[in-house]
Amino acid sequence: MLVKIKRENSFVDFKVDNIEKRTTILEVLEYIKNYLDSSLSYRAQCRSSICGTCGVKVNGKTVLACKTKALDLAQNDELTIEPLDNMPVIKDLVVDHEEFLSKLKKAKSWFVPKENFEKVYPEELKTFEKETDCILCGICYSVCPAFQNDKNFGGPINFVKIFRFWKDKNDALQEERILIAKENNITSCVHCKYCTFSCPKEIPVESDIMQIEFFGKQKGIIQSQDSFGFGFNFGF
């Protein structure tokens, strides 16, 4: 199989043989680094879709390298592997997460406990259960087109975290989470659903954003005349 890896502004070709049905993209990268070019740089850690560090773009699809089988994405016996978008490239497939993580801090993406905890029932847990699966891989952030028009947009992952804690009745911030969403320019979302389609944990990201926006407009926290996510003002 021919594997083309983007390095700086060009692609470097590698010939990798003996790729089996079970071989992952990460194993392909490891083979190249161990046997063909030791200078190749990429991120990987847990190998079990938990740490979220191995996100890459393969034949145009953004995936976790440790979870994805090479033959599932190969086209004409070729793989083209690139770094994630929307983040500066440090080297080869390694991108800089600094801005991505800074925006997470701005979104207060952590649990703020109430003084008196209440019992959480299974049906209540289900409202934010999928959002707890987020592994901070940055894949939703990398596929989001909203940054083209708004560099201050928080990014899909911010709103997943806001949604998760907003729905938790033991979180002390509660409706303040909606104000935080507004401060993260939630209305700049273009509702393309790329984030939902790309999420390796199948989190309904765009649906979370829609629910936050709807609630915020009902409560008057997010103004109805704000941009509706498409760069236009419809004057509603």
Protein backbone atom coordinates (compact mmCIF):
# COMPACT_ATOMS: atom_id res chain seq x y z
CA MET A 1 0.00 0.00 0.00
CA LEU A 2 1.17 3.50 -0.80
CA VAL A 3 0.97 5.82 2.23
CA LYS A 4 1.30 9.54 1.55
CA ILE A 5 1.98 11.66 4.64
CA LYS A 6 1.86 15.44 4.67
CA ARG A 7 5.09 16.87 6.02
CA GLU A 8 5.41 20.65 5.96
CA ASN A 9 4.03 21.77 2.59
CA SER A 10 4.39 18.55 0.63
CA PHE A 11 3.59 14.85 0.77
CA VAL A 12 6.15 12.11 1.34
CA ASP A 13 5.43 8.63 -0.02
CA PHE A 14 6.03 5.39 1.86
CA LYS A 15 5.46 1.83 0.69
CA VAL A 16 3.95 -0.29 3.45
CA ASP A 17 3.41 -4.01 2.86
CA ASN A 18 1.54 -6.70 4.78
CA ILE A 19 -1.37 -4.54 5.86
CA GLU A 20 -4.02 -6.85 7.25
CA LYS A 21 -7.72 -6.40 7.86
CA ARG A 22 -7.09 -5.61 11.55
CA THR A 23 -4.21 -3.15 10.92
CA THR A 24 -4.96 0.34 12.25
CA ILE A 25 -3.78 3.70 10.95
CA LEU A 26 -1.66 4.00 14.10
CA GLU A 27 0.06 0.69 13.36
CA VAL A 28 0.82 1.95 9.86
CA LEU A 29 2.42 5.07 11.34
CA GLU A 30 4.38 3.00 13.85
CA TYR A 31 5.69 0.77 11.06
CA ILE A 32 6.85 3.80 9.06
CA LYS A 33 8.56 5.33 12.10
CA ASN A 34 10.21 2.07 13.21
CA TYR A 35 11.34 0.78 9.82
CA LEU A 36 11.25 3.50 7.18
CA ASP A 37 11.75 6.96 8.72
CA SER A 38 12.46 7.45 12.41
CA SER A 39 12.00 11.22 12.10
CA LEU A 40 8.25 10.95 11.49
CA SER A 41 6.28 12.73 14.24
CA TYR A 42 2.74 11.97 15.40
CA ARG A 43 0.86 11.71 18.70
CA ALA A 44 -0.37 8.49 20.31
CA GLN A 45 -0.74 7.21 23.82
CA CYS A 46 -3.52 4.89 25.02
CA ARG A 47 -4.17 2.89 21.80
CA SER A 48 -7.76 2.34 22.97
CA SER A 49 -9.74 5.46 21.94
CA ILE A 50 -9.58 7.02 25.40
CA CYS A 51 -6.83 9.64 25.43
CA GLY A 52 -7.85 11.35 22.18
CA THR A 53 -4.30 12.30 21.18
CA CYS A 54 -4.02 10.43 17.86
CA GLY A 55 -6.49 12.39 15.74
CA VAL A 56 -5.47 12.71 12.08
CA LYS A 57 -7.09 13.24 8.71
CA VAL A 58 -7.05 10.16 6.45
CA ASN A 59 -8.22 10.41 2.84
CA GLY A 60 -10.19 13.49 3.86
CA LYS A 61 -11.88 11.87 6.87
CA THR A 62 -10.91 12.97 10.39
CA VAL A 63 -10.43 9.96 12.69
CA LEU A 64 -8.63 8.51 15.69
CA ALA A 65 -5.64 6.63 14.29
CA CYS A 66 -5.77 3.94 16.97
CA LYS A 67 -9.42 3.11 16.32
CA THR A 68 -9.52 3.21 12.53
CA LYS A 69 -8.61 0.28 10.27
CA ALA A 70 -6.34 1.18 7.36
CA LEU A 71 -8.22 -0.92 4.81
CA ASP A 72 -11.52 0.71 5.73
CA LEU A 73 -10.31 4.08 4.43
CA ALA A 74 -7.88 3.03 1.70
CA GLN A 75 -8.71 4.21 -1.82
CA ASN A 76 -7.06 2.46 -4.77
CA ASP A 77 -4.61 0.89 -2.29
CA GLU A 78 -3.53 4.33 -1.08
CA LEU A 79 -3.75 6.28 2.18
CA THR A 80 -3.22 10.04 2.45
CA ILE A 81 -2.60 11.11 6.05
CA GLU A 82 -2.64 14.76 7.13
CA PRO A 83 -2.65 16.70 10.42
CA LEU A 84 -5.89 18.05 11.89
CA ASP A 85 -7.21 21.36 10.55
CA ASN A 86 -7.93 24.58 12.50
CA MET A 87 -4.80 24.15 14.63
CA PRO A 88 -1.20 25.17 13.81
CA VAL A 89 1.09 22.32 12.79
CA ILE A 90 4.13 21.82 15.01
CA LYS A 91 5.69 19.03 12.96
CA ASP A 92 4.31 16.45 10.54
CA LEU A 93 1.07 15.17 12.13
CA VAL A 94 1.51 16.94 15.47
CA VAL A 95 -0.65 20.04 15.94
CA ASP A 96 -0.60 22.77 18.58
CA HIS A 97 -3.52 22.45 21.04
CA GLU A 98 -2.82 25.71 22.90
CA GLU A 99 -5.67 27.80 21.44
CA PHE A 100 -8.03 24.83 21.58
CA LEU A 101 -7.31 24.30 25.30
CA SER A 102 -7.42 28.03 26.07
CA LYS A 103 -10.95 28.20 24.67
CA LEU A 104 -11.93 25.24 26.84
CA LYS A 105 -10.78 27.22 29.89
CA LYS A 106 -12.82 30.21 28.76
CA ALA A 107 -15.87 27.91 28.62
CA LYS A 108 -15.30 26.81 32.25
CA SER A 109 -15.43 23.22 31.05
CA TRP A 110 -15.28 21.63 34.47
CA PHE A 111 -17.77 20.66 37.15
CA VAL A 112 -18.56 23.32 39.78
CA PRO A 113 -20.30 21.41 42.62
CA LYS A 114 -23.28 22.72 44.57
CA GLU A 115 -23.00 22.77 48.34
CA ASN A 116 -25.80 20.26 48.80
CA PHE A 117 -25.74 17.36 46.37
CA GLU A 118 -28.98 15.84 45.14
CA LYS A 119 -29.45 12.25 44.09
CA VAL A 120 -29.23 11.80 40.32
CA TYR A 121 -31.61 9.23 38.86
CA PRO A 122 -30.84 7.11 35.76
CA GLU A 123 -33.37 8.96 33.59
CA GLU A 124 -31.70 12.26 34.54
CA LEU A 125 -28.24 10.90 33.81
CA LYS A 126 -29.34 9.94 30.32
CA THR A 127 -29.78 13.63 29.41
CA PHE A 128 -26.00 14.19 29.51
CA GLU A 129 -24.63 10.64 29.48
CA LYS A 130 -23.19 10.78 25.93
CA GLU A 131 -21.49 14.12 26.63
CA THR A 132 -19.51 12.53 29.47
CA ASP A 133 -17.82 10.34 26.84
CA CYS A 134 -15.96 13.33 25.35
CA ILE A 135 -12.21 12.61 25.29
CA LEU A 136 -11.00 16.10 24.21
CA CYS A 137 -9.61 14.73 20.96
CA GLY A 138 -10.28 18.00 19.12
CA ILE A 139 -11.74 16.30 16.06
CA CYS A 140 -14.97 18.32 16.21
CA TYR A 141 -12.88 21.47 16.59
CA SER A 142 -10.78 20.56 13.54
CA VAL A 143 -13.73 20.04 11.17
CA CYS A 144 -15.68 23.16 12.22
CA PRO A 145 -16.08 25.74 9.40
CA ALA A 146 -17.40 28.46 11.74
CA PHE A 147 -13.83 29.60 12.51
CA GLN A 148 -13.55 30.92 8.95
CA ASN A 149 -15.97 33.74 9.85
CA ASP A 150 -15.42 34.01 13.61
CA LYS A 151 -12.00 33.33 15.13
CA ASN A 152 -13.48 33.89 18.60
CA PHE A 153 -16.02 31.10 18.20
CA GLY A 154 -15.56 28.71 21.12
CA GLY A 155 -15.78 25.59 19.04
CA PRO A 156 -18.10 22.56 19.21
CA ILE A 157 -16.28 20.93 22.10
CA ASN A 158 -16.91 23.98 24.33
CA PHE A 159 -20.64 23.60 23.89
CA VAL A 160 -20.53 19.87 24.56
CA LYS A 161 -18.91 20.66 27.92
CA ILE A 162 -21.32 23.52 28.63
CA PHE A 163 -24.28 21.25 27.81
CA ARG A 164 -22.97 18.41 29.98
CA PHE A 165 -22.69 20.56 33.13
CA TRP A 166 -25.78 22.67 32.40
CA LYS A 167 -27.85 19.47 32.43
CA ASP A 168 -26.31 18.28 35.71
CA LYS A 169 -28.52 19.52 38.56
CA ASN A 170 -25.57 19.30 40.95
CA ASP A 171 -23.58 21.88 38.99
CA ALA A 172 -23.55 25.25 40.77
CA LEU A 173 -23.42 27.44 37.65
CA GLN A 174 -26.67 26.23 36.07
CA GLU A 175 -28.08 29.01 33.83
CA GLU A 176 -24.75 30.85 33.99
CA ARG A 177 -23.63 28.12 31.59
CA ILE A 178 -25.94 29.63 28.96
CA LEU A 179 -24.35 33.05 29.44
CA ILE A 180 -20.95 31.39 29.03
CA ALA A 181 -22.20 29.85 25.78
CA LYS A 182 -23.19 33.31 24.56
CA GLU A 183 -19.75 34.66 25.50
CA ASN A 184 -18.27 31.83 23.42
CA ASN A 185 -20.24 33.12 20.39
CA ILE A 186 -22.55 30.12 20.14
CA THR A 187 -24.66 31.86 17.49
CA SER A 188 -21.71 31.70 15.08
CA CYS A 189 -22.40 27.97 14.70
CA VAL A 190 -23.43 27.26 11.09
CA HIS A 191 -25.24 24.00 12.03
CA CYS A 192 -23.46 21.98 9.37
CA LYS A 193 -23.33 18.92 11.69
CA TYR A 194 -19.74 18.10 10.70
CA CYS A 195 -18.96 17.92 14.42
CA THR A 196 -21.67 15.32 15.01
CA PHE A 197 -20.74 13.24 11.97
CA SER A 198 -17.03 13.26 12.90
CA CYS A 199 -17.22 12.61 16.66
CA PRO A 200 -15.55 9.24 17.42
CA LYS A 201 -17.77 8.90 20.50
CA GLU A 202 -20.99 9.64 18.59
CA ILE A 203 -21.90 12.64 20.74
CA PRO A 204 -24.82 14.63 19.25
CA VAL A 205 -22.79 17.84 19.27
CA GLU A 206 -24.93 19.98 16.97
CA SER A 207 -28.08 18.92 18.81
CA ASP A 208 -26.50 20.08 22.08
CA ILE A 209 -25.75 23.46 20.52
CA MET A 210 -29.33 23.77 19.24
CA GLN A 211 -30.74 23.01 22.70
CA ILE A 212 -28.51 25.59 24.39
CA GLU A 213 -29.42 28.25 21.81
CA PHE A 214 -33.14 27.51 22.05
CA PHE A 215 -33.14 27.67 25.86
CA GLY A 216 -31.01 30.81 25.85
CA LYS A 217 -33.39 32.60 23.50
CA GLN A 218 -36.41 31.51 25.52
CA LYS A 219 -34.83 32.97 28.67
CA GLY A 220 -33.64 36.13 26.92
CA ILE A 221 -29.99 35.30 27.64
CA ILE A 222 -29.22 34.88 23.95
CA GLN A 223 -30.95 37.58 21.97
CA SER A 224 -33.17 36.45 19.11
CA GLN A 225 -31.73 39.15 16.85
CA ASP A 226 -28.23 37.67 17.22
CA SER A 227 -26.69 36.16 14.10
CA PHE A 228 -28.39 32.83 13.44
CA GLY A 229 -25.11 31.11 12.67
CA PHE A 230 -24.83 31.83 8.96
CA GLY A 231 -23.14 35.22 9.07
CA PHE A 232 -26.44 37.01 8.43
CA ASN A 233 -28.89 38.87 10.63
CA PHE A 234 -32.46 37.91 9.81
CA GLY A 235 -33.99 40.45 12.20
CA PHE A 236 -36.21 38.01 14.05
